[in-house]
PDB file of N, CA and C in Angstrom:
ATOM      1  N   UNK A   1     170.337 116.185  76.708  1.00  0.00           N
ATOM      2  CA  UNK A   1     170.566 116.502  75.321  1.00  0.00           C
ATOM      3  C   UNK A   1     169.209 116.522  74.616  1.00  0.00           C
ATOM      4  N   UNK A   2     168.987 117.510  73.769  1.00  0.00           N
ATOM      5  CA  UNK A   2     167.752 117.631  72.999  1.00  0.00           C
ATOM      6  C   UNK A   2     168.111 117.613  71.524  1.00  0.00           C
ATOM      7  N   UNK A   3     167.396 116.799  70.771  1.00  0.00           N
ATOM      8  CA  UNK A   3     167.617 116.677  69.332  1.00  0.00           C
ATOM      9  C   UNK A   3     166.327 117.095  68.645  1.00  0.00           C
ATOM     10  N   UNK A   4     166.369 118.152  67.825  1.00  0.00           N
ATOM     11  CA  UNK A   4     165.191 118.626  67.110  1.00  0.00           C
ATOM     12  C   UNK A   4     165.161 118.006  65.720  1.00  0.00           C
ATOM     13  N   UNK A   5     163.974 117.532  65.319  1.00  0.00           N
ATOM     14  CA  UNK A   5     163.817 116.850  64.038  1.00  0.00           C
ATOM     15  C   UNK A   5     162.661 117.494  63.277  1.00  0.00           C
ATOM     16  N   UNK A   6     162.889 117.876  62.032  1.00  0.00           N
ATOM     17  CA  UNK A   6     161.828 118.369  61.156  1.00  0.00           C
ATOM     18  C   UNK A   6     161.452 117.234  60.221  1.00  0.00           C
ATOM     19  N   UNK A   7     160.232 116.748  60.345  1.00  0.00           N
ATOM     20  CA  UNK A   7     159.767 115.634  59.528  1.00  0.00           C
ATOM     21  C   UNK A   7     159.296 116.123  58.167  1.00  0.00           C
ATOM     22  N   UNK A   8     159.140 115.228  57.225  1.00  0.00           N
ATOM     23  CA  UNK A   8     158.714 115.572  55.872  1.00  0.00           C
ATOM     24  C   UNK A   8     157.309 116.164  55.852  1.00  0.00           C
ATOM     25  N   UNK A   9     156.481 115.816  56.852  1.00  0.00           N
ATOM     26  CA  UNK A   9     155.124 116.353  56.898  1.00  0.00           C
ATOM     27  C   UNK A   9     155.074 117.771  57.471  1.00  0.00           C
ATOM     28  N   UNK A  10     156.250 118.346  57.809  1.00  0.00           N
ATOM     29  CA  UNK A  10     156.307 119.711  58.300  1.00  0.00           C
ATOM     30  C   UNK A  10     156.216 119.855  59.802  1.00  0.00           C
ATOM     31  N   UNK A  11     156.091 118.773  60.532  1.00  0.00           N
ATOM     32  CA  UNK A  11     156.002 118.825  61.986  1.00  0.00           C
ATOM     33  C   UNK A  11     157.391 118.711  62.616  1.00  0.00           C
ATOM     34  N   UNK A  12     157.590 119.471  63.663  1.00  0.00           N
ATOM     35  CA  UNK A  12     158.833 119.400  64.425  1.00  0.00           C
ATOM     36  C   UNK A  12     158.647 118.461  65.601  1.00  0.00           C
ATOM     37  N   UNK A  13     159.674 117.707  65.929  1.00  0.00           N
ATOM     38  CA  UNK A  13     159.669 116.809  67.073  1.00  0.00           C
ATOM     39  C   UNK A  13     160.934 117.065  67.887  1.00  0.00           C
ATOM     40  N   UNK A  14     160.807 117.021  69.201  1.00  0.00           N
ATOM     41  CA  UNK A  14     161.959 117.181  70.082  1.00  0.00           C
ATOM     42  C   UNK A  14     162.197 115.859  70.789  1.00  0.00           C
ATOM     43  N   UNK A  15     163.375 115.306  70.619  1.00  0.00           N
ATOM     44  CA  UNK A  15     163.756 114.077  71.285  1.00  0.00           C
ATOM     45  C   UNK A  15     164.715 114.439  72.401  1.00  0.00           C
ATOM     46  N   UNK A  16     164.401 114.030  73.607  1.00  0.00           N
ATOM     47  CA  UNK A  16     165.287 114.364  74.721  1.00  0.00           C
ATOM     48  C   UNK A  16     165.810 113.090  75.367  1.00  0.00           C
ATOM     49  N   UNK A  17     167.078 113.137  75.721  1.00  0.00           N
ATOM     50  CA  UNK A  17     167.744 112.018  76.380  1.00  0.00           C
ATOM     51  C   UNK A  17     168.383 112.561  77.638  1.00  0.00           C
ATOM     52  N   UNK A  18     168.119 111.908  78.741  1.00  0.00           N
ATOM     53  CA  UNK A  18     168.766 112.337  79.976  1.00  0.00           C
ATOM     54  C   UNK A  18     169.270 111.107  80.725  1.00  0.00           C
ATOM     55  N   UNK A  19     170.441 111.244  81.261  1.00  0.00           N
ATOM     56  CA  UNK A  19     171.038 110.159  82.023  1.00  0.00           C
ATOM     57  C   UNK A  19     170.854 110.448  83.499  1.00  0.00           C
ATOM     58  N   UNK A  20     170.464 109.432  84.230  1.00  0.00           N
ATOM     59  CA  UNK A  20     170.265 109.589  85.666  1.00  0.00           C
ATOM     60  C   UNK A  20     171.098 108.560  86.407  1.00  0.00           C
ATOM     61  N   UNK A  21     171.278 108.817  87.644  1.00  0.00           N
ATOM     62  CA  UNK A  21     172.013 107.890  88.491  1.00  0.00           C
ATOM     63  C   UNK A  21     171.136 106.673  88.767  1.00  0.00           C
ATOM     64  N   UNK A  22     171.696 105.495  88.635  1.00  0.00           N
ATOM     65  CA  UNK A  22     170.932 104.280  88.875  1.00  0.00           C
ATOM     66  C   UNK A  22     170.732 104.091  90.371  1.00  0.00           C
ATOM     67  N   UNK A  23     169.476 104.039  90.780  1.00  0.00           N
ATOM     68  CA  UNK A  23     169.151 103.817  92.180  1.00  0.00           C
ATOM     69  C   UNK A  23     168.529 102.432  92.319  1.00  0.00           C
ATOM     70  N   UNK A  24     168.865 101.709  93.349  1.00  0.00           N
ATOM     71  CA  UNK A  24     168.262 100.388  93.529  1.00  0.00           C
ATOM     72  C   UNK A  24     166.753 100.510  93.695  1.00  0.00           C
ATOM     73  N   UNK A  25     166.045  99.625  93.042  1.00  0.00           N
ATOM     74  CA  UNK A  25     164.592  99.650  93.071  1.00  0.00           C
ATOM     75  C   UNK A  25     164.067  98.886  94.278  1.00  0.00           C
ATOM     76  N   UNK A  26     163.078  99.468  94.921  1.00  0.00           N
ATOM     77  CA  UNK A  26     162.432  98.797  96.044  1.00  0.00           C
ATOM     78  C   UNK A  26     161.047  98.306  95.638  1.00  0.00           C
ATOM     79  N   UNK A  27     160.790  98.294  94.362  1.00  0.00           N
ATOM     80  CA  UNK A  27     159.497  97.860  93.851  1.00  0.00           C
ATOM     81  C   UNK A  27     159.443  96.335  93.860  1.00  0.00           C
ATOM     82  N   UNK A  28     158.317  95.810  94.293  1.00  0.00           N
ATOM     83  CA  UNK A  28     158.172  94.357  94.356  1.00  0.00           C
ATOM     84  C   UNK A  28     157.588  93.764  93.073  1.00  0.00           C
ATOM     85  N   UNK A  29     157.238  94.622  92.109  1.00  0.00           N
ATOM     86  CA  UNK A  29     156.683  94.150  90.848  1.00  0.00           C
ATOM     87  C   UNK A  29     157.791  94.071  89.802  1.00  0.00           C
ATOM     88  N   UNK A  30     157.678  93.148  88.853  1.00  0.00           N
ATOM     89  CA  UNK A  30     158.714  93.035  87.810  1.00  0.00           C
ATOM     90  C   UNK A  30     158.635  94.205  86.823  1.00  0.00           C
ATOM     91  N   UNK A  31     159.725  94.451  86.137  1.00  0.00           N
ATOM     92  CA  UNK A  31     159.756  95.483  85.101  1.00  0.00           C
ATOM     93  C   UNK A  31     158.911  95.027  83.921  1.00  0.00           C
ATOM     94  N   UNK A  32     158.271  95.980  83.255  1.00  0.00           N
ATOM     95  CA  UNK A  32     157.522  95.674  82.042  1.00  0.00           C
ATOM     96  C   UNK A  32     157.925  96.668  80.964  1.00  0.00           C
ATOM     97  N   UNK A  33     157.691  96.291  79.725  1.00  0.00           N
ATOM     98  CA  UNK A  33     157.927  97.183  78.599  1.00  0.00           C
ATOM     99  C   UNK A  33     156.598  97.539  77.972  1.00  0.00           C
ATOM    100  N   UNK A  34     156.487  98.757  77.462  1.00  0.00           N
ATOM    101  CA  UNK A  34     155.258  99.208  76.824  1.00  0.00           C
ATOM    102  C   UNK A  34     155.605  99.729  75.439  1.00  0.00           C
ATOM    103  N   UNK A  35     154.885  99.224  74.435  1.00  0.00           N
ATOM    104  CA  UNK A  35     155.052  99.655  73.053  1.00  0.00           C
ATOM    105  C   UNK A  35     153.788 100.380  72.635  1.00  0.00           C
ATOM    106  N   UNK A  36     153.912 101.658  72.275  1.00  0.00           N
ATOM    107  CA  UNK A  36     152.777 102.440  71.817  1.00  0.00           C
ATOM    108  C   UNK A  36     152.810 102.453  70.298  1.00  0.00           C
ATOM    109  N   UNK A  37     151.688 102.097  69.681  1.00  0.00           N
ATOM    110  CA  UNK A  37     151.687 101.985  68.232  1.00  0.00           C
ATOM    111  C   UNK A  37     150.462 102.578  67.581  1.00  0.00           C
ATOM    112  N   UNK A  38     150.350 102.390  66.270  1.00  0.00           N
ATOM    113  CA  UNK A  38     149.212 102.888  65.514  1.00  0.00           C
ATOM    114  C   UNK A  38     148.119 101.841  65.387  1.00  0.00           C
ATOM    115  N   UNK A  39     148.500 100.597  65.177  1.00  0.00           N
ATOM    116  CA  UNK A  39     147.502  99.536  65.020  1.00  0.00           C
ATOM    117  C   UNK A  39     146.791  99.270  66.339  1.00  0.00           C
ATOM    118  N   UNK A  40     147.534  99.171  67.415  1.00  0.00           N
ATOM    119  CA  UNK A  40     146.948  99.055  68.744  1.00  0.00           C
ATOM    120  C   UNK A  40     147.487 100.197  69.588  1.00  0.00           C
ATOM    121  N   UNK A  41     146.680 100.647  70.554  1.00  0.00           N
ATOM    122  CA  UNK A  41     147.093 101.784  71.379  1.00  0.00           C
ATOM    123  C   UNK A  41     148.359 101.460  72.140  1.00  0.00           C
ATOM    124  N   UNK A  42     148.377 100.309  72.809  1.00  0.00           N
ATOM    125  CA  UNK A  42     149.598  99.882  73.468  1.00  0.00           C
ATOM    126  C   UNK A  42     149.614  98.383  73.652  1.00  0.00           C
ATOM    127  N   UNK A  43     150.825  97.841  73.722  1.00  0.00           N
ATOM    128  CA  UNK A  43     151.068  96.428  73.995  1.00  0.00           C
ATOM    129  C   UNK A  43     152.170  96.366  75.035  1.00  0.00           C
ATOM    130  N   UNK A  44     151.939  95.572  76.084  1.00  0.00           N
ATOM    131  CA  UNK A  44     152.982  95.478  77.099  1.00  0.00           C
ATOM    132  C   UNK A  44     153.828  94.229  76.880  1.00  0.00           C
ATOM    133  N   UNK A  45     154.829  94.050  77.724  1.00  0.00           N
ATOM    134  CA  UNK A  45     155.773  92.946  77.546  1.00  0.00           C
ATOM    135  C   UNK A  45     155.145  91.586  77.821  1.00  0.00           C
ATOM    136  N   UNK A  46     153.956  91.563  78.406  1.00  0.00           N
ATOM    137  CA  UNK A  46     153.234  90.303  78.611  1.00  0.00           C
ATOM    138  C   UNK A  46     152.215  90.063  77.497  1.00  0.00           C
ATOM    139  N   UNK A  47     152.330  90.850  76.430  1.00  0.00           N
ATOM    140  CA  UNK A  47     151.483  90.787  75.237  1.00  0.00           C
ATOM    141  C   UNK A  47     150.014  91.119  75.503  1.00  0.00           C
ATOM    142  N   UNK A  48     149.736  91.882  76.540  1.00  0.00           N
ATOM    143  CA  UNK A  48     148.394  92.410  76.767  1.00  0.00           C
ATOM    144  C   UNK A  48     148.245  93.638  75.879  1.00  0.00           C
ATOM    145  N   UNK A  49     147.168  93.691  75.106  1.00  0.00           N
ATOM    146  CA  UNK A  49     146.975  94.752  74.133  1.00  0.00           C
ATOM    147  C   UNK A  49     145.740  95.559  74.467  1.00  0.00           C
ATOM    148  N   UNK A  50     145.848  96.870  74.334  1.00  0.00           N
ATOM    149  CA  UNK A  50     144.702  97.767  74.451  1.00  0.00           C
ATOM    150  C   UNK A  50     144.481  98.345  73.056  1.00  0.00           C
ATOM    151  N   UNK A  51     143.291  98.140  72.527  1.00  0.00           N
ATOM    152  CA  UNK A  51     142.993  98.557  71.158  1.00  0.00           C
ATOM    153  C   UNK A  51     142.929 100.079  71.049  1.00  0.00           C
ATOM    154  N   UNK A  52     143.225 100.559  69.859  1.00  0.00           N
ATOM    155  CA  UNK A  52     143.159 101.977  69.555  1.00  0.00           C
ATOM    156  C   UNK A  52     141.696 102.347  69.365  1.00  0.00           C
ATOM    157  N   UNK A  53     141.198 103.317  70.136  1.00  0.00           N
ATOM    158  CA  UNK A  53     139.785 103.678  70.064  1.00  0.00           C
ATOM    159  C   UNK A  53     139.437 104.467  68.817  1.00  0.00           C
ATOM    160  N   UNK A  54     140.401 105.115  68.215  1.00  0.00           N
ATOM    161  CA  UNK A  54     140.211 105.852  66.959  1.00  0.00           C
ATOM    162  C   UNK A  54     139.003 106.786  67.011  1.00  0.00           C
ATOM    163  N   UNK A  55     138.995 107.681  67.993  1.00  0.00           N
ATOM    164  CA  UNK A  55     137.889 108.619  68.138  1.00  0.00           C
ATOM    165  C   UNK A  55     137.691 109.461  66.892  1.00  0.00           C
ATOM    166  N   UNK A  56     138.778 109.878  66.269  1.00  0.00           N
ATOM    167  CA  UNK A  56     138.650 110.716  65.070  1.00  0.00           C
ATOM    168  C   UNK A  56     137.997 109.938  63.932  1.00  0.00           C
ATOM    169  N   UNK A  57     138.437 108.727  63.694  1.00  0.00           N
ATOM    170  CA  UNK A  57     137.882 107.942  62.592  1.00  0.00           C
ATOM    171  C   UNK A  57     136.408 107.655  62.788  1.00  0.00           C
ATOM    172  N   UNK A  58     136.003 107.365  64.019  1.00  0.00           N
ATOM    173  CA  UNK A  58     134.595 107.059  64.262  1.00  0.00           C
ATOM    174  C   UNK A  58     133.725 108.310  64.198  1.00  0.00           C
ATOM    175  N   UNK A  59     134.297 109.475  64.423  1.00  0.00           N
ATOM    176  CA  UNK A  59     133.542 110.730  64.388  1.00  0.00           C
ATOM    177  C   UNK A  59     133.720 111.489  63.084  1.00  0.00           C
ATOM    178  N   UNK A  60     134.505 110.971  62.168  1.00  0.00           N
ATOM    179  CA  UNK A  60     134.842 111.703  60.947  1.00  0.00           C
ATOM    180  C   UNK A  60     133.605 112.051  60.116  1.00  0.00           C
ATOM    181  N   UNK A  61     132.664 111.156  59.997  1.00  0.00           N
ATOM    182  CA  UNK A  61     131.468 111.432  59.198  1.00  0.00           C
ATOM    183  C   UNK A  61     130.659 112.561  59.831  1.00  0.00           C
ATOM    184  N   UNK A  62     130.493 112.534  61.143  1.00  0.00           N
ATOM    185  CA  UNK A  62     129.765 113.591  61.833  1.00  0.00           C
ATOM    186  C   UNK A  62     130.481 114.925  61.692  1.00  0.00           C
ATOM    187  N   UNK A  63     131.805 114.919  61.840  1.00  0.00           N
ATOM    188  CA  UNK A  63     132.577 116.149  61.713  1.00  0.00           C
ATOM    189  C   UNK A  63     132.476 116.720  60.299  1.00  0.00           C
ATOM    190  N   UNK A  64     132.541 115.871  59.297  1.00  0.00           N
ATOM    191  CA  UNK A  64     132.426 116.322  57.910  1.00  0.00           C
ATOM    192  C   UNK A  64     131.053 116.914  57.664  1.00  0.00           C
ATOM    193  N   UNK A  65     130.043 116.262  58.185  1.00  0.00           N
ATOM    194  CA  UNK A  65     128.663 116.718  58.035  1.00  0.00           C
ATOM    195  C   UNK A  65     128.487 118.102  58.652  1.00  0.00           C
ATOM    196  N   UNK A  66     129.005 118.304  59.833  1.00  0.00           N
ATOM    197  CA  UNK A  66     128.878 119.593  60.507  1.00  0.00           C
ATOM    198  C   UNK A  66     129.741 120.666  59.850  1.00  0.00           C
ATOM    199  N   UNK A  67     130.907 120.290  59.352  1.00  0.00           N
ATOM    200  CA  UNK A  67     131.809 121.258  58.740  1.00  0.00           C
ATOM    201  C   UNK A  67     131.267 121.813  57.433  1.00  0.00           C
ATOM    202  N   UNK A  68     130.467 121.056  56.721  1.00  0.00           N
ATOM    203  CA  UNK A  68     129.928 121.524  55.451  1.00  0.00           C
ATOM    204  C   UNK A  68     128.722 122.433  55.640  1.00  0.00           C
ATOM    205  N   UNK A  69     128.253 122.583  56.854  1.00  0.00           N
ATOM    206  CA  UNK A  69     127.129 123.469  57.108  1.00  0.00           C
ATOM    207  C   UNK A  69     125.797 122.777  57.036  1.00  0.00           C
ATOM    208  N   UNK A  70     125.772 121.521  56.623  1.00  0.00           N
ATOM    209  CA  UNK A  70     124.502 120.803  56.528  1.00  0.00           C
ATOM    210  C   UNK A  70     123.887 120.657  57.903  1.00  0.00           C
ATOM    211  N   UNK A  71     124.695 120.321  58.873  1.00  0.00           N
ATOM    212  CA  UNK A  71     124.189 120.165  60.227  1.00  0.00           C
ATOM    213  C   UNK A  71     123.668 121.477  60.788  1.00  0.00           C
ATOM    214  N   UNK A  72     124.368 122.562  60.502  1.00  0.00           N
ATOM    215  CA  UNK A  72     123.948 123.865  61.012  1.00  0.00           C
ATOM    216  C   UNK A  72     122.648 124.312  60.363  1.00  0.00           C
ATOM    217  N   UNK A  73     122.493 124.098  59.049  1.00  0.00           N
ATOM    218  CA  UNK A  73     121.278 124.541  58.374  1.00  0.00           C
ATOM    219  C   UNK A  73     120.073 123.708  58.793  1.00  0.00           C
ATOM    220  N   UNK A  74     120.257 122.457  59.130  1.00  0.00           N
ATOM    221  CA  UNK A  74     119.143 121.633  59.598  1.00  0.00           C
ATOM    222  C   UNK A  74     118.691 122.046  60.989  1.00  0.00           C
ATOM    223  N   UNK A  75     119.585 122.637  61.763  1.00  0.00           N
ATOM    224  CA  UNK A  75     119.236 123.076  63.110  1.00  0.00           C
ATOM    225  C   UNK A  75     118.668 124.486  63.121  1.00  0.00           C
ATOM    226  N   UNK A  76     118.428 125.071  61.960  1.00  0.00           N
ATOM    227  CA  UNK A  76     117.826 126.392  61.883  1.00  0.00           C
ATOM    228  C   UNK A  76     118.812 127.534  61.941  1.00  0.00           C
ATOM    229  N   UNK A  77     120.079 127.256  61.882  1.00  0.00           N
ATOM    230  CA  UNK A  77     121.076 128.323  61.912  1.00  0.00           C
ATOM    231  C   UNK A  77     121.139 128.982  60.544  1.00  0.00           C
ATOM    232  N   UNK A  78     121.475 130.253  60.545  1.00  0.00           N
ATOM    233  CA  UNK A  78     121.601 130.985  59.290  1.00  0.00           C
ATOM    234  C   UNK A  78     123.041 130.914  58.829  1.00  0.00           C
ATOM    235  N   UNK A  79     123.236 130.519  57.584  1.00  0.00           N
ATOM    236  CA  UNK A  79     124.580 130.453  57.042  1.00  0.00           C
ATOM    237  C   UNK A  79     124.863 131.724  56.254  1.00  0.00           C
ATOM    238  N   UNK A  80     126.123 131.990  56.007  1.00  0.00           N
ATOM    239  CA  UNK A  80     126.517 133.195  55.283  1.00  0.00           C
ATOM    240  C   UNK A  80     125.991 133.186  53.854  1.00  0.00           C
ATOM    241  N   UNK A  81     125.847 132.019  53.231  1.00  0.00           N
ATOM    242  CA  UNK A  81     125.392 131.958  51.846  1.00  0.00           C
ATOM    243  C   UNK A  81     123.885 132.163  51.733  1.00  0.00           C
ATOM    244  N   UNK A  82     123.118 131.946  52.813  1.00  0.00           N
ATOM    245  CA  UNK A  82     121.673 132.096  52.730  1.00  0.00           C
ATOM    246  C   UNK A  82     121.229 133.522  53.036  1.00  0.00           C
ATOM    247  N   UNK A  83     122.142 134.383  53.490  1.00  0.00           N
ATOM    248  CA  UNK A  83     121.806 135.756  53.780  1.00  0.00           C
ATOM    249  C   UNK A  83     121.843 136.579  52.505  1.00  0.00           C
ATOM    250  N   UNK A  84     120.836 137.361  52.260  1.00  0.00           N
ATOM    251  CA  UNK A  84     120.783 138.166  51.043  1.00  0.00           C
ATOM    252  C   UNK A  84     121.622 139.418  51.154  1.00  0.00           C
ATOM    253  N   UNK A  85     121.976 139.983  50.005  1.00  0.00           N
ATOM    254  CA  UNK A  85     122.737 141.249  49.980  1.00  0.00           C
ATOM    255  C   UNK A  85     121.743 142.374  50.042  1.00  0.00           C
ATOM    256  N   UNK A  86     121.537 142.938  51.203  1.00  0.00           N
ATOM    257  CA  UNK A  86     120.575 144.009  51.356  1.00  0.00           C
ATOM    258  C   UNK A  86     121.238 145.293  51.726  1.00  0.00           C
TER     259      UNK A  86
END
């Protein structure tokens, strides 16, 4: 079964549920649960936490700098605003 959801932010999400036949497990390790979140990347059922690296947040200043053209003009690139109407 697939359930489509349109969120308030305009993004669509597809939730799928499938039932399978229960097969006996031959795994010698215990079951664990994993919670994926925003504050931490993940936390397992033994409370081991992996922190969220937040690559976007740490690179946001560099990305903003490059997006405004400041980075490009410092590297000698020609921007559209610096070209004359000839």
